[in-house]
């Protein structure tokens, strides 16, 4: 995306109260969805390993997470629009096209662009919502002002601290920071397991036990303080009245509004 970033400055209306709905038409589609969610869980565990490693920095863990998010967006962009996805997204952004592929491409392109911005910007919370329904799943890409939620685990990064600490406080500060990182690592491991429970293997789980599932997560930072959150979400069984046979943008849904009220009370969703 480097070639476009020099002139692309974001288009928040593309994300405004919208989500992508992707059909689960057959066993292969279900398996692909399951594998993608297992990759999300594994990425969370890799971040936990880095946080628990005193030889690795918090920035290493944070950037590894952002890289995973950016790579997943760009992989989806290529699947939808091919190698010309940047051109297609920019054409939609300029108003030169207004079709389904253009809208989907612009949606993911905005998500990828904002994910890359998050690496260097404080007070930007990434708060995606992923929901499984009987015949499809949705992904609601959200970014918010602020850095935490009502349920977030917070941890400290000495490398990002700009305060001058006296000798008597420095050692204590570093010990407390390492302790907070280890606590966050344990939380990330536990919530990686939550992802596995919400989106089980379709080859091993009856349909009635896997047709609904959902998680909302959030990550951000303010200065030297980082945050992480992941919680289960109950999908609304009455959300969709009609089946879908191809990826399409849909309204964000009642679950999005509910999680905004419940978990992101200190922030304002960027629209």
Protein backbone atom coordinates (compact mmCIF):
# COMPACT_ATOMS: atom_id res chain seq x y z
CA UNK A 1 0.00 0.00 0.00
CA UNK A 2 3.01 2.25 0.12
CA UNK A 3 2.42 3.77 -3.31
CA UNK A 4 -1.00 5.14 -2.32
CA UNK A 5 -0.29 6.26 1.22
CA UNK A 6 1.38 9.46 0.05
CA UNK A 7 -1.96 10.86 -1.11
CA UNK A 8 -4.58 8.73 0.63
CA UNK A 9 -5.58 10.30 3.95
CA UNK A 10 -8.45 8.10 5.00
CA UNK A 11 -12.15 7.98 4.18
CA UNK A 12 -14.08 7.26 7.38
CA UNK A 13 -17.49 7.19 5.67
CA UNK A 14 -16.45 3.89 4.04
CA UNK A 15 -16.45 2.25 7.50
CA UNK A 16 -19.41 4.17 8.92
CA UNK A 17 -21.72 1.64 10.62
CA UNK A 18 -20.93 -0.99 7.99
CA UNK A 19 -19.69 -4.56 8.00
CA UNK A 20 -18.73 -7.17 5.42
CA UNK A 21 -21.02 -10.20 5.20
CA UNK A 22 -19.35 -13.27 3.68
CA UNK A 23 -21.34 -16.40 2.80
CA UNK A 24 -20.53 -19.85 4.13
CA UNK A 25 -21.94 -21.82 1.22
CA UNK A 26 -20.23 -25.17 1.69
CA UNK A 27 -17.85 -27.24 3.80
CA UNK A 28 -14.80 -25.70 2.13
CA UNK A 29 -15.92 -22.14 2.97
CA UNK A 30 -16.59 -23.17 6.57
CA UNK A 31 -13.14 -24.71 6.85
CA UNK A 32 -11.45 -21.60 5.41
CA UNK A 33 -13.30 -19.40 7.91
CA UNK A 34 -12.31 -21.70 10.77
CA UNK A 35 -8.65 -21.70 9.69
CA UNK A 36 -8.64 -17.90 9.44
CA UNK A 37 -9.97 -17.61 12.99
CA UNK A 38 -7.41 -20.13 14.23
CA UNK A 39 -4.73 -17.92 12.67
CA UNK A 40 -6.13 -14.99 14.64
CA UNK A 41 -5.91 -17.06 17.84
CA UNK A 42 -2.35 -18.15 17.02
CA UNK A 43 -1.34 -14.53 16.37
CA UNK A 44 -2.69 -13.61 19.79
CA UNK A 45 -0.59 -16.36 21.36
CA UNK A 46 2.54 -15.17 19.51
CA UNK A 47 1.95 -11.70 20.92
CA UNK A 48 1.63 -13.27 24.38
CA UNK A 49 4.97 -15.03 23.94
CA UNK A 50 6.70 -11.75 23.07
CA UNK A 51 5.12 -9.93 26.02
CA UNK A 52 6.21 -12.69 28.40
CA UNK A 53 9.78 -12.60 27.06
CA UNK A 54 11.86 -10.08 29.06
CA UNK A 55 14.27 -9.90 26.11
CA UNK A 56 11.55 -8.63 23.74
CA UNK A 57 10.02 -5.18 23.84
CA UNK A 58 6.34 -4.31 24.01
CA UNK A 59 6.81 -2.58 20.67
CA UNK A 60 7.92 -5.89 19.14
CA UNK A 61 4.68 -7.52 20.30
CA UNK A 62 2.52 -4.57 19.27
CA UNK A 63 4.04 -4.30 15.80
CA UNK A 64 3.75 -8.06 15.28
CA UNK A 65 0.02 -7.75 15.94
CA UNK A 66 -0.36 -4.79 13.56
CA UNK A 67 1.62 -6.63 10.87
CA UNK A 68 -0.73 -9.61 11.17
CA UNK A 69 -3.80 -7.37 10.87
CA UNK A 70 -2.36 -5.53 7.86
CA UNK A 71 -1.37 -8.78 6.14
CA UNK A 72 -4.84 -10.26 6.64
CA UNK A 73 -6.47 -7.15 5.15
CA UNK A 74 -4.16 -7.13 2.16
CA UNK A 75 -4.70 -10.86 1.60
CA UNK A 76 -8.46 -10.26 1.55
CA UNK A 77 -7.98 -7.32 -0.83
CA UNK A 78 -6.14 -9.52 -3.31
CA UNK A 79 -8.84 -12.19 -3.06
CA UNK A 80 -11.57 -9.65 -3.80
CA UNK A 81 -9.93 -7.35 -6.34
CA UNK A 82 -6.65 -8.90 -7.45
CA UNK A 83 -3.33 -7.09 -7.59
CA UNK A 84 -4.98 -3.84 -8.73
CA UNK A 85 -6.83 -3.41 -5.44
CA UNK A 86 -5.26 -0.03 -4.70
CA UNK A 87 -6.43 1.42 -7.99
CA UNK A 88 -9.93 0.02 -7.46
CA UNK A 89 -10.15 1.40 -3.91
CA UNK A 90 -8.99 4.83 -5.02
CA UNK A 91 -11.48 4.85 -7.91
CA UNK A 92 -14.27 4.16 -5.42
CA UNK A 93 -12.86 6.82 -3.11
CA UNK A 94 -12.91 9.40 -5.95
CA UNK A 95 -16.44 8.43 -6.96
CA UNK A 96 -15.36 6.95 -10.31
CA UNK A 97 -17.03 3.64 -9.49
CA UNK A 98 -19.85 2.54 -7.18
CA UNK A 99 -20.15 -1.22 -7.52
CA UNK A 100 -20.01 -4.10 -5.04
CA UNK A 101 -16.35 -4.96 -5.68
CA UNK A 102 -15.36 -1.31 -5.45
CA UNK A 103 -17.20 -0.88 -2.14
CA UNK A 104 -15.70 -4.04 -0.61
CA UNK A 105 -12.22 -3.10 -1.79
CA UNK A 106 -12.52 0.42 -0.40
CA UNK A 107 -13.75 -0.99 2.94
CA UNK A 108 -10.79 -3.31 3.40
CA UNK A 109 -8.36 -0.75 2.00
CA UNK A 110 -9.48 1.76 4.62
CA UNK A 111 -9.05 -0.89 7.31
CA UNK A 112 -5.54 -1.75 6.12
CA UNK A 113 -4.56 1.91 5.91
CA UNK A 114 -5.80 2.67 9.43
CA UNK A 115 -4.13 -0.45 10.83
CA UNK A 116 -0.79 0.78 9.49
CA UNK A 117 -1.43 4.24 10.96
CA UNK A 118 -2.05 2.66 14.35
CA UNK A 119 1.59 1.62 14.58
CA UNK A 120 2.68 5.24 15.04
CA UNK A 121 -0.46 6.99 16.40
CA UNK A 122 -1.51 6.94 20.03
CA UNK A 123 -5.16 7.14 21.06
CA UNK A 124 -6.40 5.03 18.17
CA UNK A 125 -8.30 1.93 19.25
CA UNK A 126 -8.79 -0.95 16.81
CA UNK A 127 -12.02 -2.71 17.79
CA UNK A 128 -13.16 -5.34 15.25
CA UNK A 129 -16.33 -7.39 15.70
CA UNK A 130 -16.57 -10.86 14.11
CA UNK A 131 -19.87 -12.76 14.16
CA UNK A 132 -20.83 -16.21 12.86
CA UNK A 133 -24.37 -16.92 11.62
CA UNK A 134 -25.77 -20.16 10.17
CA UNK A 135 -25.06 -19.27 6.53
CA UNK A 136 -22.46 -16.47 6.76
CA UNK A 137 -20.19 -14.42 8.95
CA UNK A 138 -19.64 -10.69 9.33
CA UNK A 139 -16.63 -8.58 10.09
CA UNK A 140 -17.20 -5.07 11.36
CA UNK A 141 -13.97 -3.04 11.06
CA UNK A 142 -13.94 -0.26 13.65
CA UNK A 143 -11.41 2.27 14.83
CA UNK A 144 -12.09 4.60 17.72
CA UNK A 145 -10.52 7.53 19.45
CA UNK A 146 -9.04 6.62 22.82
CA UNK A 147 -6.87 3.70 23.83
CA UNK A 148 -8.87 1.43 26.13
CA UNK A 149 -12.30 0.01 26.98
CA UNK A 150 -14.22 -0.76 30.14
CA UNK A 151 -12.84 -4.32 30.17
CA UNK A 152 -9.31 -3.88 28.81
CA UNK A 153 -6.17 -5.23 30.41
CA UNK A 154 -3.49 -2.52 30.50
CA UNK A 155 0.24 -2.96 30.50
CA UNK A 156 3.22 -0.62 30.60
CA UNK A 157 6.13 -0.21 28.19
CA UNK A 158 9.25 1.39 29.73
CA UNK A 159 10.63 2.00 26.20
CA UNK A 160 7.75 4.42 25.58
CA UNK A 161 7.97 6.26 28.91
CA UNK A 162 8.93 9.92 28.52
CA UNK A 163 9.04 10.75 32.25
CA UNK A 164 12.30 11.27 34.09
CA UNK A 165 12.39 8.85 36.99
CA UNK A 166 14.69 9.04 39.96
CA UNK A 167 17.01 6.12 40.69
CA UNK A 168 14.85 5.02 43.60
CA UNK A 169 11.80 4.65 41.32
CA UNK A 170 13.36 3.28 38.14
CA UNK A 171 13.84 -0.31 39.33
CA UNK A 172 10.35 -0.47 40.81
CA UNK A 173 8.86 0.94 37.62
CA UNK A 174 10.60 -1.65 35.46
CA UNK A 175 9.57 -4.51 37.74
CA UNK A 176 5.95 -3.35 37.74
CA UNK A 177 6.03 -2.95 33.96
CA UNK A 178 7.31 -6.50 33.47
CA UNK A 179 4.63 -7.79 35.83
CA UNK A 180 1.89 -5.98 33.87
CA UNK A 181 3.25 -7.45 30.62
CA UNK A 182 3.17 -10.98 32.05
CA UNK A 183 -0.42 -10.45 33.19
CA UNK A 184 -1.35 -9.21 29.73
CA UNK A 185 0.36 -12.23 28.16
CA UNK A 186 -1.71 -14.59 30.29
CA UNK A 187 -4.88 -12.70 29.34
CA UNK A 188 -4.00 -12.96 25.64
CA UNK A 189 -3.50 -16.73 25.97
CA UNK A 190 -6.85 -17.12 27.71
CA UNK A 191 -8.70 -15.07 25.12
CA UNK A 192 -7.02 -16.93 22.26
CA UNK A 193 -8.77 -19.98 23.67
CA UNK A 194 -12.05 -18.03 23.64
CA UNK A 195 -11.66 -17.58 19.87
CA UNK A 196 -11.17 -21.34 19.45
CA UNK A 197 -14.30 -22.04 21.49
CA UNK A 198 -16.45 -19.55 19.57
CA UNK A 199 -15.39 -20.79 16.12
CA UNK A 200 -14.82 -24.56 16.44
CA UNK A 201 -13.63 -26.94 13.74
CA UNK A 202 -16.58 -27.74 11.43
CA UNK A 203 -15.19 -31.23 10.85
CA UNK A 204 -15.46 -32.00 14.56
CA UNK A 205 -18.45 -29.93 15.71
CA UNK A 206 -22.15 -30.47 14.90
CA UNK A 207 -23.78 -27.63 12.98
CA UNK A 208 -26.16 -26.77 15.83
CA UNK A 209 -23.15 -26.14 18.08
CA UNK A 210 -21.21 -23.96 15.65
CA UNK A 211 -23.84 -21.99 13.70
CA UNK A 212 -23.57 -18.99 16.05
CA UNK A 213 -20.46 -17.44 17.58
CA UNK A 214 -18.84 -14.08 18.04
CA UNK A 215 -16.04 -12.03 19.54
CA UNK A 216 -15.24 -8.37 19.90
CA UNK A 217 -11.66 -7.30 20.56
CA UNK A 218 -9.84 -4.03 21.06
CA UNK A 219 -6.23 -2.90 21.23
CA UNK A 220 -4.59 0.48 21.50
CA UNK A 221 -2.11 2.62 23.38
CA UNK A 222 -1.63 6.01 24.96
CA UNK A 223 2.00 6.95 25.47
CA UNK A 224 3.60 4.11 27.40
CA UNK A 225 0.32 2.39 28.32
CA UNK A 226 -1.02 -0.34 26.04
CA UNK A 227 -4.35 -2.15 26.26
CA UNK A 228 -5.98 -5.37 25.09
CA UNK A 229 -9.51 -6.77 25.30
CA UNK A 230 -11.50 -9.68 23.87
CA UNK A 231 -15.00 -10.76 24.86
CA UNK A 232 -17.64 -13.14 23.55
CA UNK A 233 -20.62 -11.64 21.72
CA UNK A 234 -24.00 -13.27 21.13
CA UNK A 235 -25.08 -12.80 17.50
CA UNK A 236 -28.66 -11.64 16.92
CA UNK A 237 -30.46 -14.66 15.34
CA UNK A 238 -32.95 -12.33 13.63
CA UNK A 239 -30.38 -10.04 12.03
CA UNK A 240 -30.60 -11.47 8.50
CA UNK A 241 -33.84 -12.51 6.83
CA UNK A 242 -32.32 -13.42 3.46
CA UNK A 243 -29.38 -15.67 2.52
CA UNK A 244 -26.33 -14.30 0.71
CA UNK A 245 -24.32 -15.90 -2.08
CA UNK A 246 -21.41 -13.45 -2.42
CA UNK A 247 -19.51 -11.04 -0.14
CA UNK A 248 -21.37 -7.76 0.34
CA UNK A 249 -21.41 -4.73 2.62
CA UNK A 250 -24.26 -4.63 5.15
CA UNK A 251 -25.35 -2.42 8.03
CA UNK A 252 -23.22 -2.87 11.13
CA UNK A 253 -26.08 -4.46 13.06
CA UNK A 254 -27.41 -4.35 16.63
CA UNK A 255 -24.39 -6.23 17.99
CA UNK A 256 -22.11 -3.38 16.92
CA UNK A 257 -24.18 -0.77 18.70
CA UNK A 258 -24.42 -2.98 21.79
CA UNK A 259 -20.66 -3.55 22.02
CA UNK A 260 -19.97 0.15 21.49
CA UNK A 261 -22.16 0.96 24.48
CA UNK A 262 -20.81 -1.87 26.62
CA UNK A 263 -17.07 -1.82 26.03
CA UNK A 264 -15.99 1.44 24.44
CA UNK A 265 -17.41 3.94 26.86
CA UNK A 266 -14.24 6.06 26.98
CA UNK A 267 -13.96 6.32 23.23
CA UNK A 268 -15.81 7.64 20.24
CA UNK A 269 -16.12 5.38 17.22
CA UNK A 270 -14.47 7.06 14.25
CA UNK A 271 -17.01 7.44 11.44
